[in-house]
Amino acid sequence: MNIVVCGWFRHGRHAWEVIWEGPLGTVAVIGIATKDAPLQCHGYVALLGSDDQSWGWNLVDNHLLHNGDAQGNYPLLNNAPKYQVGERIRVILDCDDNTLSFEKNYEFLGVAFRGLPDKKLYPTVSAVYGNTEVSMVYLGPPLDG
């Protein structure tokens, strides 16, 4: 199990796009982490969201993860469809409001996490499937509307 991290943010609003281009496996999590989050572990577990230093959305089962526990289903829709390989997920980090939100195929899915810490936060993905490919592209400040 590995985590991929790039760049960091502490102020302002930021958006980046994630596209899972290969099989999801049993765990495919996107989100954010502080520099204190673990970057490796053994086994097929969701490392992102496994402690109090990371927050993630598992695309396989639509659960939000933080502190080693599922924080509920996401998005909060009846019969929310599962992620399909190749769909675009936009991650929106608001460091001024301390929130993390997601969009799928340009549809806003709502705020996933509130009360994020005032620390450097890193865009992060976590996967267990060895031959998957994930693209992550920074988009800049999100456009409102």
Protein backbone atom coordinates (compact mmCIF):
# COMPACT_ATOMS: atom_id res chain seq x y z
CA MET A 1 0.00 0.00 0.00
CA ASN A 2 1.47 3.33 -1.03
CA ILE A 3 0.38 6.93 -0.98
CA VAL A 4 1.29 9.47 -3.62
CA VAL A 5 1.63 13.08 -2.52
CA CYS A 6 2.49 16.21 -4.49
CA GLY A 7 2.80 19.90 -3.57
CA TRP A 8 1.10 21.52 -0.58
CA PHE A 9 -1.40 24.24 0.26
CA ARG A 10 -2.04 26.28 3.39
CA HIS A 11 -3.93 29.39 2.24
CA GLY A 12 -6.56 30.15 -0.38
CA ARG A 13 -8.75 27.93 -2.51
CA HIS A 14 -7.35 25.23 -4.76
CA ALA A 15 -8.72 22.68 -7.21
CA TRP A 16 -7.13 19.70 -8.87
CA GLU A 17 -8.48 16.91 -11.03
CA VAL A 18 -7.99 13.20 -10.45
CA ILE A 19 -8.68 10.55 -13.07
CA TRP A 20 -8.26 6.90 -12.16
CA GLU A 21 -7.20 5.36 -15.47
CA GLY A 22 -6.83 1.75 -14.40
CA PRO A 23 -8.54 -0.78 -12.15
CA LEU A 24 -9.56 0.53 -8.73
CA GLY A 25 -8.84 -2.63 -6.80
CA THR A 26 -10.35 -2.87 -3.32
CA VAL A 27 -9.15 0.56 -2.18
CA ALA A 28 -8.93 3.74 -4.28
CA VAL A 29 -8.90 6.84 -2.07
CA ILE A 30 -8.46 10.50 -3.01
CA GLY A 31 -8.09 13.38 -0.58
CA ILE A 32 -5.51 15.27 1.46
CA ALA A 33 -2.91 14.62 4.15
CA THR A 34 -0.53 16.53 6.39
CA LYS A 35 3.21 15.84 6.36
CA ASP A 36 2.70 13.65 9.43
CA ALA A 37 0.48 11.09 7.69
CA PRO A 38 2.06 7.67 7.05
CA LEU A 39 3.12 7.01 3.45
CA GLN A 40 3.30 3.21 3.49
CA CYS A 41 1.80 0.22 5.23
CA HIS A 42 1.43 -3.50 4.69
CA GLY A 43 -1.74 -5.10 3.44
CA TYR A 44 -4.71 -4.02 1.38
CA VAL A 45 -6.06 -1.25 3.57
CA ALA A 46 -7.03 2.37 3.01
CA LEU A 47 -3.95 4.23 4.24
CA LEU A 48 -5.37 7.65 3.34
CA GLY A 49 -7.86 8.38 6.12
CA SER A 50 -6.31 5.80 8.46
CA ASP A 51 -5.29 8.38 11.07
CA ASP A 52 -5.98 11.92 12.26
CA GLN A 53 -3.57 13.39 9.68
CA SER A 54 -5.43 12.44 6.49
CA TRP A 55 -8.90 12.69 4.96
CA GLY A 56 -10.13 10.73 1.96
CA TRP A 57 -13.00 9.48 -0.17
CA ASN A 58 -12.84 5.80 -1.12
CA LEU A 59 -14.18 5.63 -4.67
CA VAL A 60 -14.77 1.87 -4.37
CA ASP A 61 -17.44 1.98 -1.65
CA ASN A 62 -18.29 5.72 -1.47
CA HIS A 63 -17.14 6.06 2.15
CA LEU A 64 -15.39 9.07 3.66
CA LEU A 65 -12.37 8.07 5.74
CA HIS A 66 -10.66 9.86 8.64
CA ASN A 67 -9.15 8.76 11.95
CA GLY A 68 -9.22 5.13 10.83
CA ASP A 69 -13.00 5.05 10.52
CA ALA A 70 -15.64 5.47 7.86
CA GLN A 71 -17.21 8.90 8.42
CA GLY A 72 -20.33 8.09 6.42
CA ASN A 73 -21.40 7.70 2.83
CA TYR A 74 -20.48 10.23 0.19
CA PRO A 75 -21.98 11.80 -1.75
CA LEU A 76 -25.18 12.17 0.27
CA LEU A 77 -27.45 11.03 -2.53
CA ASN A 78 -29.89 8.16 -2.62
CA ASN A 79 -28.26 5.31 -4.55
CA ALA A 80 -25.18 7.39 -5.40
CA PRO A 81 -23.52 5.80 -8.43
CA LYS A 82 -20.11 4.22 -8.00
CA TYR A 83 -17.08 5.77 -9.65
CA GLN A 84 -16.40 4.51 -13.16
CA VAL A 85 -12.81 4.28 -14.43
CA GLY A 86 -12.00 7.38 -16.47
CA GLU A 87 -14.50 9.73 -14.81
CA ARG A 88 -13.11 13.11 -13.79
CA ILE A 89 -13.10 13.95 -10.09
CA ARG A 90 -12.37 17.54 -9.12
CA VAL A 91 -11.04 18.01 -5.60
CA ILE A 92 -11.68 21.43 -4.03
CA LEU A 93 -9.67 22.44 -0.98
CA ASP A 94 -10.71 25.68 0.72
CA CYS A 95 -7.96 26.52 3.21
CA ASP A 96 -9.80 29.69 4.27
CA ASP A 97 -13.02 27.80 5.15
CA ASN A 98 -11.12 24.63 6.17
CA THR A 99 -13.25 22.39 3.93
CA LEU A 100 -12.69 19.66 1.36
CA SER A 101 -15.26 19.07 -1.39
CA PHE A 102 -15.52 17.06 -4.58
CA GLU A 103 -17.13 17.31 -8.02
CA LYS A 104 -17.71 14.41 -10.40
CA ASN A 105 -18.10 15.14 -14.09
CA TYR A 106 -18.63 18.84 -13.24
CA GLU A 107 -21.42 18.12 -10.72
CA PHE A 108 -20.74 19.49 -7.21
CA LEU A 109 -21.15 16.66 -4.68
CA GLY A 110 -21.09 18.77 -1.52
CA VAL A 111 -18.65 19.38 1.30
CA ALA A 112 -17.05 16.12 2.41
CA PHE A 113 -14.96 17.35 5.35
CA ARG A 114 -15.14 20.43 7.57
CA GLY A 115 -12.82 21.69 10.29
CA LEU A 116 -9.56 20.83 8.54
CA PRO A 117 -6.44 21.91 10.43
CA ASP A 118 -4.53 25.10 9.72
CA LYS A 119 -1.49 23.16 8.43
CA LYS A 120 0.15 22.49 5.09
CA LEU A 121 -2.16 20.05 3.28
CA TYR A 122 -1.02 17.83 0.44
CA PRO A 123 -3.16 16.45 -2.44
CA THR A 124 -3.01 12.70 -2.01
CA VAL A 125 -4.17 9.43 -3.55
CA SER A 126 -3.97 5.96 -2.05
CA ALA A 127 -4.18 2.69 -3.99
CA VAL A 128 -3.62 -1.00 -3.37
CA TYR A 129 -3.89 -2.27 -6.96
CA GLY A 130 -0.35 -2.56 -8.28
CA ASN A 131 -0.92 -1.84 -11.96
CA THR A 132 -3.34 1.04 -11.83
CA GLU A 133 -2.69 4.52 -13.22
CA VAL A 134 -3.87 7.76 -11.67
CA SER A 135 -3.57 11.26 -13.15
CA MET A 136 -3.60 14.33 -10.91
CA VAL A 137 -3.53 17.82 -12.46
CA TYR A 138 -3.56 21.12 -10.55
CA LEU A 139 -6.24 23.48 -11.92
CA GLY A 140 -5.73 26.59 -9.77
CA PRO A 141 -8.46 28.40 -7.83
CA PRO A 142 -11.90 26.82 -8.37
CA LEU A 143 -14.44 28.73 -10.40
CA ASP A 144 -17.64 29.49 -8.50
CA GLY A 145 -20.95 28.95 -10.17
